[in-house]
Protein backbone atom coordinates (compact mmCIF):
# COMPACT_ATOMS: atom_id res chain seq x y z
CA ARG A 1 0.00 0.00 0.00
CA SER A 2 1.19 3.50 -0.76
CA PRO A 3 1.94 6.04 2.01
CA ALA A 4 -1.00 8.12 0.76
CA CYS A 5 -3.35 5.14 1.12
CA PHE A 6 -2.01 4.50 4.63
CA LEU A 7 -2.63 8.13 5.61
CA ARG A 8 -6.19 7.99 4.31
CA SER A 9 -6.85 4.77 6.23
CA SER A 10 -5.38 6.21 9.43
CA TRP A 11 -7.45 9.37 9.09
CA PHE A 12 -10.63 7.41 8.46
CA GLY A 13 -9.90 5.00 11.30
CA GLY A 14 -9.34 7.81 13.79
CA THR A 15 -12.40 9.73 12.63
CA PHE A 16 -14.62 6.67 12.78
CA SER A 17 -13.29 5.77 16.23
CA ARG A 18 -14.23 9.21 17.55
CA LEU A 19 -17.66 8.97 15.92
CA ASN A 20 -18.21 5.48 17.29
CA LYS A 21 -17.34 6.65 20.81
CA ARG A 22 -19.76 9.59 20.52
CA LEU A 23 -22.55 7.34 19.27
CA HIS A 24 -22.05 4.85 22.13
CA ASN A 25 -22.06 7.69 24.67
CA GLU A 26 -25.33 9.00 23.24
CA LEU A 27 -26.89 5.53 23.33
CA ASP A 28 -25.76 5.01 26.92
CA THR A 29 -27.34 8.34 27.87
CA ILE A 30 -30.67 7.23 26.37
CA ARG A 31 -30.57 3.95 28.27
CA ALA A 32 -29.63 5.66 31.55
CA ALA A 33 -32.55 8.09 31.19
CA GLY A 34 -35.00 5.20 30.82
CA THR A 35 -36.12 6.43 27.39
CA TRP A 36 -34.73 3.57 25.31
CA LYS A 37 -37.31 2.42 22.76
CA GLY A 38 -37.09 -1.29 22.13
CA GLU A 39 -39.04 -3.08 19.42
CA ARG A 40 -41.15 -6.07 20.34
CA ILE A 41 -41.59 -8.62 17.58
CA ILE A 42 -45.14 -9.52 16.54
CA THR A 43 -45.51 -12.93 14.90
CA SER A 44 -49.12 -12.61 13.70
CA LYS A 45 -51.33 -10.27 11.72
CA GLN A 46 -52.40 -6.99 13.30
CA GLY A 47 -55.61 -7.10 15.32
CA PRO A 48 -57.12 -6.83 18.80
CA GLN A 49 -55.35 -10.08 19.66
CA ILE A 50 -51.80 -10.76 18.48
CA SER A 51 -48.91 -13.15 19.03
CA VAL A 52 -45.71 -11.64 20.44
CA ASP A 53 -42.29 -13.25 20.28
CA GLY A 54 -41.30 -14.42 23.77
CA SER A 55 -44.86 -14.39 25.16
CA ARG A 56 -47.19 -17.33 25.53
CA GLY A 57 -50.67 -17.38 24.08
CA THR A 58 -52.49 -14.49 22.45
CA ILE A 59 -51.92 -10.96 23.69
CA LEU A 60 -54.48 -8.15 23.77
CA ASN A 61 -53.17 -5.27 21.65
CA PHE A 62 -54.05 -1.83 23.01
CA CYS A 63 -51.54 0.41 21.25
CA ALA A 64 -52.18 0.12 17.49
CA ASN A 65 -53.60 2.85 15.27
CA ASN A 66 -55.97 0.19 13.96
CA TYR A 67 -58.96 2.30 15.04
CA LEU A 68 -61.61 0.51 13.00
CA GLY A 69 -60.11 -2.96 13.06
CA LEU A 70 -59.72 -2.88 9.26
CA SER A 71 -56.03 -3.92 9.15
CA SER A 72 -57.09 -7.57 9.01
CA HIS A 73 -60.69 -7.18 7.83
CA PRO A 74 -61.35 -10.08 5.40
CA GLU A 75 -62.78 -7.84 2.66
CA VAL A 76 -59.85 -5.42 2.95
CA VAL A 77 -57.32 -8.27 2.81
CA GLN A 78 -59.07 -9.85 -0.20
CA ALA A 79 -59.06 -6.52 -2.03
CA GLY A 80 -55.30 -6.36 -1.57
CA ILE A 81 -54.88 -9.92 -2.89
CA ASP A 82 -57.04 -9.10 -5.92
CA ALA A 83 -55.05 -5.95 -6.65
CA LEU A 84 -51.78 -7.86 -6.34
CA LYS A 85 -52.92 -10.43 -8.90
CA LEU A 86 -54.38 -7.91 -11.35
CA TYR A 87 -51.96 -4.97 -11.02
CA GLY A 88 -48.73 -6.52 -9.72
CA ALA A 89 -46.50 -5.90 -6.71
CA GLY A 90 -45.45 -2.38 -7.64
CA LEU A 91 -44.99 0.17 -10.43
CA SER A 92 -41.20 0.67 -10.36
CA SER A 93 -41.93 4.28 -11.20
CA VAL A 94 -43.11 7.64 -9.95
CA ARG A 95 -46.60 8.76 -10.87
CA PHE A 96 -45.84 11.07 -13.83
CA ILE A 97 -43.60 8.60 -15.68
CA CYS A 98 -45.43 5.28 -15.75
CA GLY A 99 -46.72 4.93 -12.19
CA THR A 100 -50.38 5.92 -12.43
CA GLN A 101 -52.98 3.16 -12.74
CA ASP A 102 -56.75 3.47 -12.78
CA LEU A 103 -56.50 1.97 -9.28
CA HIS A 104 -54.75 5.12 -8.00
CA LYS A 105 -57.17 7.50 -9.69
CA ASN A 106 -60.14 5.56 -8.32
CA LEU A 107 -58.85 5.81 -4.74
CA GLU A 108 -58.16 9.53 -5.13
CA GLN A 109 -61.72 10.07 -6.37
CA LYS A 110 -63.20 8.12 -3.46
CA LEU A 111 -61.10 9.98 -0.88
CA ALA A 112 -62.19 13.34 -2.33
CA GLN A 113 -65.79 12.11 -2.15
CA PHE A 114 -65.33 10.89 1.40
CA HIS A 115 -63.98 14.25 2.59
CA GLU A 116 -66.38 16.23 0.35
CA ARG A 117 -63.50 18.07 -1.34
CA GLU A 118 -62.81 18.75 -5.01
CA ASP A 119 -59.75 16.58 -5.55
CA CYS A 120 -57.11 14.37 -3.91
CA ILE A 121 -53.44 13.50 -4.40
CA LEU A 122 -51.83 10.34 -2.99
CA TYR A 123 -48.41 10.17 -1.32
CA ALA A 124 -46.23 7.37 0.04
CA SER A 125 -47.09 8.57 3.57
CA CYS A 126 -48.80 11.46 5.32
CA PHE A 127 -45.32 12.53 6.43
CA ASP A 128 -44.62 13.05 2.72
CA ALA A 129 -47.94 14.82 2.24
CA ASN A 130 -47.02 17.28 4.99
CA ALA A 131 -43.47 17.63 3.64
CA GLY A 132 -44.78 18.35 0.15
CA LEU A 133 -47.51 20.90 0.81
CA PHE A 134 -46.14 24.03 2.45
CA GLU A 135 -43.18 24.60 0.14
CA VAL A 136 -45.53 24.60 -2.86
CA LEU A 137 -48.33 26.63 -1.29
CA LEU A 138 -46.40 29.31 0.61
CA GLY A 139 -43.68 31.77 -0.37
CA PRO A 140 -41.66 34.48 1.38
CA ASP A 141 -44.61 36.92 1.16
CA ASP A 142 -46.88 34.55 3.10
CA ALA A 143 -47.26 33.53 6.76
CA VAL A 144 -47.96 30.19 8.40
CA LEU A 145 -49.36 30.00 11.94
CA SER A 146 -48.76 26.63 13.57
CA ASP A 147 -49.87 25.09 16.88
CA GLU A 148 -46.80 24.47 19.03
CA LEU A 149 -47.67 20.77 19.48
CA ASN A 150 -48.27 19.95 15.83
CA HIS A 151 -46.91 16.65 14.52
CA ALA A 152 -43.22 16.43 13.64
CA SER A 153 -44.06 16.03 9.95
CA ILE A 154 -45.91 19.36 9.96
CA ILE A 155 -42.99 21.05 11.70
CA ASP A 156 -40.54 19.62 9.16
CA GLY A 157 -42.79 20.56 6.25
CA ILE A 158 -43.09 24.14 7.45
CA ARG A 159 -39.30 24.36 7.81
CA LEU A 160 -38.99 23.65 4.09
CA CYS A 161 -41.07 26.66 3.05
CA ARG A 162 -39.88 30.26 2.99
CA ALA A 163 -42.98 31.77 4.59
CA LYS A 164 -42.92 33.80 7.79
CA ARG A 165 -43.38 31.28 10.60
CA LEU A 166 -45.39 32.03 13.75
CA ARG A 167 -46.04 29.41 16.43
CA TYR A 168 -49.03 29.83 18.72
CA LYS A 169 -49.58 28.23 22.13
CA HIS A 170 -51.30 24.85 22.12
CA MET A 171 -55.00 25.27 21.26
CA ASP A 172 -54.84 28.85 22.58
CA LEU A 173 -57.23 30.98 20.53
CA ASN A 174 -56.12 34.21 22.22
CA ASP A 175 -52.52 33.61 21.24
CA LEU A 176 -53.58 32.60 17.72
CA GLU A 177 -55.40 35.90 17.34
CA ILE A 178 -52.29 37.80 18.46
CA LYS A 179 -50.23 35.94 15.85
CA LEU A 180 -52.86 36.58 13.16
CA LYS A 181 -52.68 40.30 13.89
CA GLU A 182 -48.87 40.12 13.54
CA ALA A 183 -49.27 38.45 10.15
CA GLN A 184 -51.70 40.93 8.60
CA SER A 185 -49.06 42.38 6.30
CA SER A 186 -48.47 38.98 4.69
CA ARG A 187 -49.96 38.16 1.30
CA MET A 188 -51.62 34.96 2.53
CA ARG A 189 -52.04 33.48 6.01
CA LEU A 190 -52.44 29.75 6.67
CA VAL A 191 -53.45 28.40 10.10
CA VAL A 192 -52.07 24.88 10.57
CA THR A 193 -53.19 22.41 13.23
CA ASP A 194 -53.59 18.74 13.95
CA GLY A 195 -57.27 17.88 14.09
CA VAL A 196 -56.46 15.52 16.95
CA PHE A 197 -53.11 15.69 18.74
CA SER A 198 -51.78 12.17 18.83
CA MET A 199 -49.89 12.25 22.13
CA ASP A 200 -52.75 13.65 24.22
CA GLY A 201 -55.92 12.74 22.34
CA ASP A 202 -57.20 16.32 22.53
CA VAL A 203 -59.24 17.85 19.71
CA ALA A 204 -58.34 21.20 18.14
CA PRO A 205 -60.92 24.00 18.71
CA LEU A 206 -61.73 24.18 15.01
CA GLN A 207 -64.83 26.33 15.36
CA GLY A 208 -62.85 29.07 17.07
CA ILE A 209 -59.94 28.64 14.66
CA CYS A 210 -62.26 29.01 11.67
CA ASP A 211 -63.91 32.08 13.23
CA LEU A 212 -60.52 33.75 13.66
CA ALA A 213 -59.34 32.69 10.21
CA GLU A 214 -62.37 34.27 8.60
CA GLN A 215 -62.04 37.41 10.72
CA TYR A 216 -58.39 37.89 9.72
CA GLY A 217 -58.52 36.55 6.16
CA ALA A 218 -56.66 33.28 6.68
CA MET A 219 -57.01 29.76 5.31
CA VAL A 220 -57.22 26.66 7.54
CA PHE A 221 -55.29 23.39 7.18
CA ILE A 222 -55.76 20.32 9.38
CA ASP A 223 -53.87 17.05 9.70
CA GLU A 224 -56.50 14.36 10.27
CA CYS A 225 -54.39 11.24 10.75
CA HIS A 226 -55.97 10.48 14.14
CA ALA A 227 -59.52 11.38 13.13
CA THR A 228 -60.23 10.13 9.61
CA GLY A 229 -62.63 7.22 9.57
CA PHE A 230 -64.10 7.41 13.06
CA LEU A 231 -64.64 10.97 14.34
CA GLY A 232 -67.88 12.67 13.38
CA SER A 233 -71.27 11.08 12.78
CA ARG A 234 -70.09 9.54 9.48
CA GLY A 235 -66.42 9.20 10.39
CA ARG A 236 -65.33 12.07 8.16
CA GLY A 237 -63.09 13.55 10.84
CA THR A 238 -62.63 16.46 13.20
CA ASP A 239 -64.13 18.99 10.79
CA GLU A 240 -67.35 16.94 10.62
CA LEU A 241 -67.38 16.39 14.39
CA LEU A 242 -67.24 20.15 14.98
CA GLY A 243 -69.44 21.18 12.05
CA VAL A 244 -66.83 23.05 9.99
CA MET A 245 -66.35 20.85 6.91
CA ASP A 246 -67.17 23.80 4.65
CA ARG A 247 -64.77 26.12 6.51
CA VAL A 248 -61.59 24.01 6.48
CA HIS A 249 -59.76 24.48 3.19
CA ILE A 250 -57.08 21.75 3.10
CA VAL A 251 -56.98 18.32 4.78
CA ASN A 252 -54.04 15.92 4.96
CA SER A 253 -54.51 12.41 6.27
CA THR A 254 -53.23 8.85 6.16
CA LEU A 255 -54.14 5.41 4.88
CA GLY A 256 -51.89 3.89 7.53
CA LYS A 257 -54.24 4.06 10.49
CA ALA A 258 -58.03 3.66 10.32
CA LEU A 259 -58.17 3.23 6.52
CA GLY A 260 -56.64 -0.24 6.31
CA GLY A 261 -53.49 0.41 8.31
CA ALA A 262 -50.95 -0.27 5.56
CA ALA A 263 -49.23 2.85 4.21
CA GLY A 264 -49.82 6.02 2.25
CA GLY A 265 -51.08 9.54 2.81
CA TYR A 266 -52.95 12.16 0.86
CA THR A 267 -54.04 15.77 0.51
CA VAL A 268 -57.63 16.77 -0.31
CA GLY A 269 -58.64 20.30 -1.19
CA PRO A 270 -59.33 22.67 -4.08
CA LYS A 271 -58.58 21.19 -7.51
CA PRO A 272 -56.14 23.96 -8.54
CA LEU A 273 -54.06 23.25 -5.43
CA ILE A 274 -54.03 19.50 -6.12
CA ASP A 275 -53.05 20.17 -9.74
CA LEU A 276 -50.16 22.37 -8.60
CA LEU A 277 -48.98 19.74 -6.10
CA ARG A 278 -48.80 17.20 -8.94
CA GLN A 279 -46.49 19.61 -10.78
CA ARG A 280 -44.32 20.89 -7.92
CA SER A 281 -44.53 18.70 -4.79
CA ARG A 282 -41.14 17.03 -4.41
CA PRO A 283 -42.18 13.96 -2.34
CA TYR A 284 -44.85 13.25 -5.00
CA LEU A 285 -42.57 13.80 -7.99
CA PHE A 286 -39.62 11.82 -6.63
CA SER A 287 -41.25 8.90 -4.77
CA ASN A 288 -42.51 5.63 -6.20
CA SER A 289 -46.25 5.19 -6.60
CA LEU A 290 -48.12 3.43 -3.83
CA PRO A 291 -48.05 -0.35 -4.44
CA PRO A 292 -51.29 -1.71 -5.95
CA PRO A 293 -52.04 -4.09 -3.02
CA VAL A 294 -51.88 -1.14 -0.61
CA VAL A 295 -54.15 0.92 -2.87
CA GLY A 296 -56.57 -1.99 -3.19
CA CYS A 297 -56.81 -2.45 0.58
CA ALA A 298 -57.31 1.28 1.22
CA THR A 299 -59.95 1.55 -1.50
CA LYS A 300 -62.00 -1.23 0.09
CA ALA A 301 -61.67 0.42 3.51
CA VAL A 302 -63.00 3.73 2.14
CA GLU A 303 -65.81 1.91 0.32
CA LEU A 304 -66.88 0.24 3.57
CA LEU A 305 -67.03 3.65 5.30
CA LEU A 306 -68.90 5.28 2.41
CA ALA A 307 -71.47 2.49 2.59
CA SER A 308 -72.07 2.57 6.35
CA ASN A 309 -71.17 4.57 9.46
CA GLU A 310 -71.84 1.61 11.78
CA ILE A 311 -68.17 0.85 12.47
CA ALA A 312 -67.33 4.49 13.19
CA GLN A 313 -70.25 4.90 15.57
CA SER A 314 -69.21 1.85 17.63
CA MET A 315 -66.12 3.68 18.87
CA THR A 316 -67.70 6.13 21.30
CA ALA A 317 -69.13 3.67 23.82
CA LYS A 318 -65.95 1.57 23.88
CA THR A 319 -63.76 4.63 24.34
CA MET A 320 -65.83 5.94 27.24
CA ARG A 321 -65.96 2.51 28.89
CA PHE A 322 -62.16 2.48 29.13
CA ARG A 323 -61.79 6.14 30.11
CA ASN A 324 -64.50 6.01 32.81
CA ASN A 325 -63.29 2.76 34.36
CA MET A 326 -59.65 3.90 34.43
CA THR A 327 -60.57 7.24 35.98
CA LYS A 328 -62.70 5.47 38.58
CA ALA A 329 -59.67 3.29 39.44
CA GLY A 330 -57.60 6.40 40.15
CA PHE A 331 -55.59 6.84 36.94
CA THR A 332 -55.16 10.18 35.19
CA ILE A 333 -56.25 9.97 31.55
CA ALA A 334 -55.40 12.86 29.23
CA GLY A 335 -57.64 14.13 26.44
CA SER A 336 -61.37 13.59 26.26
CA ALA A 337 -63.72 11.28 24.35
CA HIS A 338 -61.04 10.17 21.87
CA PRO A 339 -59.82 6.56 21.39
CA ILE A 340 -56.31 7.80 22.21
CA CYS A 341 -56.29 7.42 25.99
CA PRO A 342 -52.92 8.49 27.48
CA VAL A 343 -52.39 7.06 30.96
CA MET A 344 -50.25 9.82 32.48
CA LEU A 345 -47.35 8.63 34.66
CA GLY A 346 -44.70 11.36 34.45
CA ASP A 347 -41.58 9.25 34.94
CA ALA A 348 -40.07 7.66 31.83
CA ARG A 349 -38.66 4.62 33.57
CA LEU A 350 -41.98 3.97 35.35
CA ALA A 351 -43.86 4.09 32.04
CA SER A 352 -41.43 1.61 30.48
CA VAL A 353 -41.46 -0.81 33.41
CA MET A 354 -45.24 -0.70 33.75
CA ALA A 355 -45.64 -1.44 30.04
CA ASP A 356 -43.35 -4.46 30.43
CA ASP A 357 -45.37 -5.67 33.41
CA MET A 358 -48.62 -5.23 31.49
CA LEU A 359 -47.32 -7.70 28.91
CA LYS A 360 -47.03 -10.30 31.68
CA PHE A 361 -50.79 -9.86 32.16
CA GLY A 362 -51.35 -10.43 28.46
CA VAL A 363 -51.81 -6.79 27.45
CA TYR A 364 -49.56 -5.11 24.87
CA VAL A 365 -48.99 -1.38 25.54
CA ILE A 366 -45.93 0.85 25.16
CA GLY A 367 -44.45 3.58 27.35
CA PHE A 368 -43.98 6.95 25.63
CA SER A 369 -41.19 9.22 26.80
CA TYR A 370 -38.86 11.98 25.60
CA PRO A 371 -38.34 12.97 22.81
CA VAL A 372 -41.73 11.64 21.67
CA VAL A 373 -43.36 13.57 24.54
CA PRO A 374 -41.91 16.36 26.74
CA LYS A 375 -39.64 15.44 29.65
CA GLY A 376 -41.63 14.75 32.82
CA LYS A 377 -44.77 13.81 30.86
CA ALA A 378 -44.14 10.13 30.17
CA ARG A 379 -47.22 8.01 29.65
CA ILE A 380 -48.64 4.78 28.37
CA ARG A 381 -50.77 5.67 25.35
CA VAL A 382 -53.68 3.25 25.15
CA GLN A 383 -55.63 3.14 21.89
CA ILE A 384 -59.12 1.71 21.63
CA SER A 385 -60.22 -0.10 18.48
CA ALA A 386 -63.67 -0.93 17.16
CA ALA A 387 -62.41 -4.52 17.08
CA HIS A 388 -62.03 -4.62 20.89
CA THR A 389 -64.84 -6.24 22.83
CA ASP A 390 -66.12 -4.98 26.17
CA GLU A 391 -64.41 -7.99 27.75
CA ASP A 392 -61.10 -6.98 26.13
CA ILE A 393 -61.42 -3.46 27.56
CA ASP A 394 -62.27 -4.74 31.04
CA ARG A 395 -59.26 -7.09 30.98
CA CYS A 396 -57.01 -4.19 30.03
CA VAL A 397 -58.35 -2.03 32.87
CA ASP A 398 -57.88 -4.87 35.34
CA ALA A 399 -54.27 -5.36 34.21
CA PHE A 400 -53.64 -1.64 34.68
CA ILE A 401 -55.09 -1.75 38.19
CA GLN A 402 -52.91 -4.69 39.24
CA THR A 403 -49.78 -3.17 37.68
CA GLY A 404 -50.60 0.28 39.02
CA ARG A 405 -50.92 -1.07 42.56
CA LYS A 406 -47.58 -2.86 42.26
CA HIS A 407 -45.85 0.42 41.39
CA GLY A 408 -47.82 2.65 43.76
CA VAL A 409 -49.63 4.55 41.02
CA VAL A 410 -53.08 3.67 42.38
CA SER A 411 -54.15 2.26 45.73
């Protein structure tokens, strides 16, 4: 080897050694803080009951985003199989080259119909939908006003645009109004909020937000990932629940939760906006099309919801059964009337240990800690599904009571 090659190897070896040491130190810090996030291995299909590697028998699953139980619904699964046979495993292309099938256009039409908007554009994920919107819609002459607890994908998407950025206090209409007044010199103002905030299960005050937006000449955008399919009388989402479907201008949501649980996201809104996103949105232009089996499953899920609101309406009673029984037992449950039911514990290590102990009682839940939630606000986020029975819910509550007594959380 030449001296030059030796020098390069020595430099790389020393640099990598320093990097490796820094990485190990960072990982040790995470473990010491009790915020290490392990990954349990599921050996069955998703559902209210699952098989978990290392555990005996079936386990009750209370932490999936499978709100309507459609991840393993036989009609949804069959639709995916049919699409796989007819349309193949994937397109090997982005949409504008040779990646658009009638399957994609059909799903976009049904999603626009479901949300009662003019048009829809599909993405590989809702993270991509949020990353692709703001840069196209907003320029340096515009302003975006964002709730301080919006999802990370919204925050990242806003960072990509050149608009003036104003962050208002969580669900604080007074602070939003102050920020709207500050933004009056901007060409266009866009108020951005989660419809439902996923860590706390609280619902954005959309009526007040829309009132302020109209008063100060702003548009309203909502991320509906934790609302689409089951909130509102027909499961249309937060805007239906609060009676403002005709006052919210742009909606982003996901196919990866209630609508089949596989993957994919989308934007629905005015047709000119959707047309512009097809021309300019980078995650859309540079990402492969959604695989046909995923599109087939999601299409069937939307068709089931368009045909009947029975599944969506079953959620309320089950959600309140869990919330009321847990509160009666002495636990603090954040949010209100949403299937996301955060059991607030505060300490990260306690949340992790309690979640591990719950698994011994046959209940799968996960502790949430920093950086997913703020320091000192660790929790176990329970999620209720339409596929859970009353007996399932009661078993989960009983496991919480026994585990909570062991760790001194309840008496």
